[in-house]
C-alpha atoms as a PDB file:
ATOM      1  CA  GLN A   1      12.135  -4.466  13.273  1.00  0.00           C
ATOM      2  CA  VAL A   2       9.329  -2.001  13.843  1.00  0.00           C
ATOM      3  CA  GLN A   3       5.852  -3.264  14.660  1.00  0.00           C
ATOM      4  CA  LEU A   4       3.007  -0.990  13.604  1.00  0.00           C
ATOM      5  CA  VAL A   5      -0.578  -1.390  14.771  1.00  0.00           C
ATOM      6  CA  GLU A   6      -3.377   0.649  13.235  1.00  0.00           C
ATOM      7  CA  SER A   7      -6.705   1.305  14.904  1.00  0.00           C
ATOM      8  CA  GLY A   8      -9.686   3.620  14.686  1.00  0.00           C
ATOM      9  CA  GLY A   9     -11.338   2.457  11.494  1.00  0.00           C
ATOM     10  CA  GLY A  10     -15.046   1.823  11.188  1.00  0.00           C
ATOM     11  CA  LEU A  11     -18.276   2.748   9.478  1.00  0.00           C
ATOM     12  CA  VAL A  12     -19.098   6.440   9.198  1.00  0.00           C
ATOM     13  CA  GLN A  13     -21.662   8.442   7.261  1.00  0.00           C
ATOM     14  CA  PRO A  14     -20.612  10.871   4.521  1.00  0.00           C
ATOM     15  CA  GLY A  15     -19.507  14.144   6.073  1.00  0.00           C
ATOM     16  CA  GLY A  16     -18.450  12.431   9.272  1.00  0.00           C
ATOM     17  CA  SER A  17     -15.063  12.143  10.958  1.00  0.00           C
ATOM     18  CA  LEU A  18     -12.698   9.441  12.152  1.00  0.00           C
ATOM     19  CA  ARG A  19      -9.282   9.469  13.757  1.00  0.00           C
ATOM     20  CA  LEU A  20      -6.891   6.689  12.877  1.00  0.00           C
ATOM     21  CA  SER A  21      -3.965   5.752  15.098  1.00  0.00           C
ATOM     22  CA  CYS A  22      -0.710   3.974  14.286  1.00  0.00           C
ATOM     23  CA  ALA A  23       1.177   2.764  17.331  1.00  0.00           C
ATOM     24  CA  ALA A  24       4.866   2.029  16.729  1.00  0.00           C
ATOM     25  CA  SER A  25       7.082  -0.296  18.738  1.00  0.00           C
ATOM     26  CA  GLU A  26      10.051   2.069  18.371  1.00  0.00           C
ATOM     27  CA  SER A  27      10.548   5.695  19.270  1.00  0.00           C
ATOM     28  CA  LEU A  28       9.275   8.029  16.574  1.00  0.00           C
ATOM     29  CA  PHE A  29      12.570   9.895  16.862  1.00  0.00           C
ATOM     30  CA  SER A  30      14.274   6.852  15.300  1.00  0.00           C
ATOM     31  CA  ILE A  31      11.839   6.634  12.374  1.00  0.00           C
ATOM     32  CA  GLU A  32      12.826   8.634   9.301  1.00  0.00           C
ATOM     33  CA  VAL A  33       9.429   8.802   7.607  1.00  0.00           C
ATOM     34  CA  MET A  34       5.938   7.762   8.640  1.00  0.00           C
ATOM     35  CA  GLU A  35       3.119   7.628   6.131  1.00  0.00           C
ATOM     36  CA  TRP A  36      -0.505   6.656   5.702  1.00  0.00           C
ATOM     37  CA  TYR A  37      -1.557   4.723   2.611  1.00  0.00           C
ATOM     38  CA  ARG A  38      -4.943   3.410   1.569  1.00  0.00           C
ATOM     39  CA  GLN A  39      -6.164   0.693  -0.728  1.00  0.00           C
ATOM     40  CA  ALA A  40      -9.699   0.638  -2.053  1.00  0.00           C
ATOM     41  CA  PRO A  41     -11.222  -2.607  -3.362  1.00  0.00           C
ATOM     42  CA  GLY A  42      -9.736  -3.516  -6.714  1.00  0.00           C
ATOM     43  CA  LYS A  43      -7.294  -0.609  -6.679  1.00  0.00           C
ATOM     44  CA  GLU A  44      -3.639  -0.057  -5.910  1.00  0.00           C
ATOM     45  CA  ARG A  45      -2.333   1.104  -2.571  1.00  0.00           C
ATOM     46  CA  ASP A  46      -1.859   4.886  -2.689  1.00  0.00           C
ATOM     47  CA  LEU A  47      -0.138   7.435  -0.498  1.00  0.00           C
ATOM     48  CA  VAL A  48      -2.515   9.562   1.588  1.00  0.00           C
ATOM     49  CA  ALA A  49      -0.270  11.603   3.879  1.00  0.00           C
ATOM     50  CA  GLY A  50       3.174  11.555   5.395  1.00  0.00           C
ATOM     51  CA  MET A  51       5.532  13.195   7.812  1.00  0.00           C
ATOM     52  CA  LYS A  52       9.303  13.251   7.932  1.00  0.00           C
ATOM     53  CA  ARG A  53      11.226  13.154  11.180  1.00  0.00           C
ATOM     54  CA  TYR A  54      12.603  16.644  10.719  1.00  0.00           C
ATOM     55  CA  GLY A  55      10.469  17.922   7.867  1.00  0.00           C
ATOM     56  CA  SER A  56       7.044  19.101   6.926  1.00  0.00           C
ATOM     57  CA  ASN A  57       3.908  17.103   6.401  1.00  0.00           C
ATOM     58  CA  TYR A  58       2.468  16.290   2.990  1.00  0.00           C
ATOM     59  CA  TYR A  59      -0.856  15.106   1.587  1.00  0.00           C
ATOM     60  CA  THR A  60      -2.295  13.771  -1.604  1.00  0.00           C
ATOM     61  CA  ASP A  61      -4.447  16.381  -3.325  1.00  0.00           C
ATOM     62  CA  SER A  62      -7.747  14.596  -2.736  1.00  0.00           C
ATOM     63  CA  VAL A  63      -7.459  14.867   1.067  1.00  0.00           C
ATOM     64  CA  LYS A  64      -5.900  18.314   1.458  1.00  0.00           C
ATOM     65  CA  GLY A  65      -7.976  20.469   3.775  1.00  0.00           C
ATOM     66  CA  ARG A  66      -9.865  17.432   5.115  1.00  0.00           C
ATOM     67  CA  PHE A  67      -7.193  15.156   6.620  1.00  0.00           C
ATOM     68  CA  THR A  68      -4.509  16.057   9.143  1.00  0.00           C
ATOM     69  CA  ILE A  69      -1.510  13.950  10.059  1.00  0.00           C
ATOM     70  CA  SER A  70       0.052  14.343  13.489  1.00  0.00           C
ATOM     71  CA  ARG A  71       2.187  12.533  16.041  1.00  0.00           C
ATOM     72  CA  ASN A  72       2.609  12.023  19.757  1.00  0.00           C
ATOM     73  CA  ASN A  73       6.241  11.270  20.524  1.00  0.00           C
ATOM     74  CA  ALA A  74       5.452  10.409  24.144  1.00  0.00           C
ATOM     75  CA  ASN A  75       3.446   7.346  23.166  1.00  0.00           C
ATOM     76  CA  ASN A  76       5.094   6.614  19.794  1.00  0.00           C
ATOM     77  CA  THR A  77       1.850   7.085  17.908  1.00  0.00           C
ATOM     78  CA  MET A  78       0.971   8.715  14.606  1.00  0.00           C
ATOM     79  CA  TYR A  79      -2.542   9.882  13.854  1.00  0.00           C
ATOM     80  CA  LEU A  80      -4.688  10.687  10.846  1.00  0.00           C
ATOM     81  CA  GLN A  81      -7.630  12.935  11.582  1.00  0.00           C
ATOM     82  CA  MET A  82     -10.130  12.545   8.767  1.00  0.00           C
ATOM     83  CA  ASN A  83     -12.957  15.060   8.424  1.00  0.00           C
ATOM     84  CA  ALA A  84     -15.654  15.613   5.806  1.00  0.00           C
ATOM     85  CA  LEU A  85     -15.362  11.987   4.757  1.00  0.00           C
ATOM     86  CA  LYS A  86     -16.635  10.941   1.350  1.00  0.00           C
ATOM     87  CA  PRO A  87     -17.669   7.534   0.022  1.00  0.00           C
ATOM     88  CA  GLU A  88     -14.539   7.540  -2.142  1.00  0.00           C
ATOM     89  CA  ASP A  89     -12.441   7.572   1.045  1.00  0.00           C
ATOM     90  CA  THR A  90     -13.584   4.010   1.695  1.00  0.00           C
ATOM     91  CA  ALA A  91     -10.490   1.812   1.859  1.00  0.00           C
ATOM     92  CA  VAL A  92      -8.169  -0.128   4.094  1.00  0.00           C
ATOM     93  CA  TYR A  93      -5.755   2.375   5.620  1.00  0.00           C
ATOM     94  CA  TYR A  94      -2.181   1.295   6.259  1.00  0.00           C
ATOM     95  CA  CYS A  95       0.612   2.833   8.279  1.00  0.00           C
ATOM     96  CA  LYS A  96       4.157   2.665   6.914  1.00  0.00           C
ATOM     97  CA  ALA A  97       7.423   3.513   8.642  1.00  0.00           C
ATOM     98  CA  LYS A  98      10.918   3.847   7.196  1.00  0.00           C
ATOM     99  CA  TRP A  99      13.349   2.762   9.920  1.00  0.00           C
ATOM    100  CA  TYR A 100      17.074   2.687   9.177  1.00  0.00           C
ATOM    101  CA  GLY A 101      16.291   2.550   5.467  1.00  0.00           C
ATOM    102  CA  THR A 102      13.787  -0.324   5.591  1.00  0.00           C
ATOM    103  CA  ASP A 103      10.024   0.005   5.136  1.00  0.00           C
ATOM    104  CA  TYR A 104       7.660  -1.607   7.622  1.00  0.00           C
ATOM    105  CA  TRP A 105       3.888  -1.891   7.265  1.00  0.00           C
ATOM    106  CA  GLY A 106       1.002  -2.374   9.610  1.00  0.00           C
ATOM    107  CA  LYS A 107      -1.870  -4.741   8.840  1.00  0.00           C
ATOM    108  CA  GLY A 108      -4.358  -1.981   8.143  1.00  0.00           C
ATOM    109  CA  THR A 109      -7.681  -0.741   9.430  1.00  0.00           C
ATOM    110  CA  LEU A 110     -10.867  -0.589   7.365  1.00  0.00           C
ATOM    111  CA  VAL A 111     -12.688   2.699   6.843  1.00  0.00           C
ATOM    112  CA  THR A 112     -16.134   2.540   5.272  1.00  0.00           C
ATOM    113  CA  VAL A 113     -17.964   5.748   4.382  1.00  0.00           C
ATOM    114  CA  SER A 114     -21.573   5.002   3.613  1.00  0.00           C
ATOM    115  CA  SER A 115     -25.077   6.121   4.465  1.00  0.00           C
END
């Protein structure tokens, strides 16, 4: 199994920035796909951004140009840099990893964008 632990959430004003982290218990080289999802109150969990082990990164349209996904293979951590945050970005953000064909989820970190 892969354990995933998210961190970095919090309260931020509109226009501000946050960087989320997802620490994995396995080497990122063994993980086929890593993704960030978010779930706002009363809504479904939606894909935000993702990165394939040997492919390009991808983003949902609403975050393109504002969010950047990245990784540090040395410490098995994936990041989501979030800039120009909007109130509609408020949600619990989850990390997901596909490892040998099985999906694993973290427990999430709450991001609140409010003045």
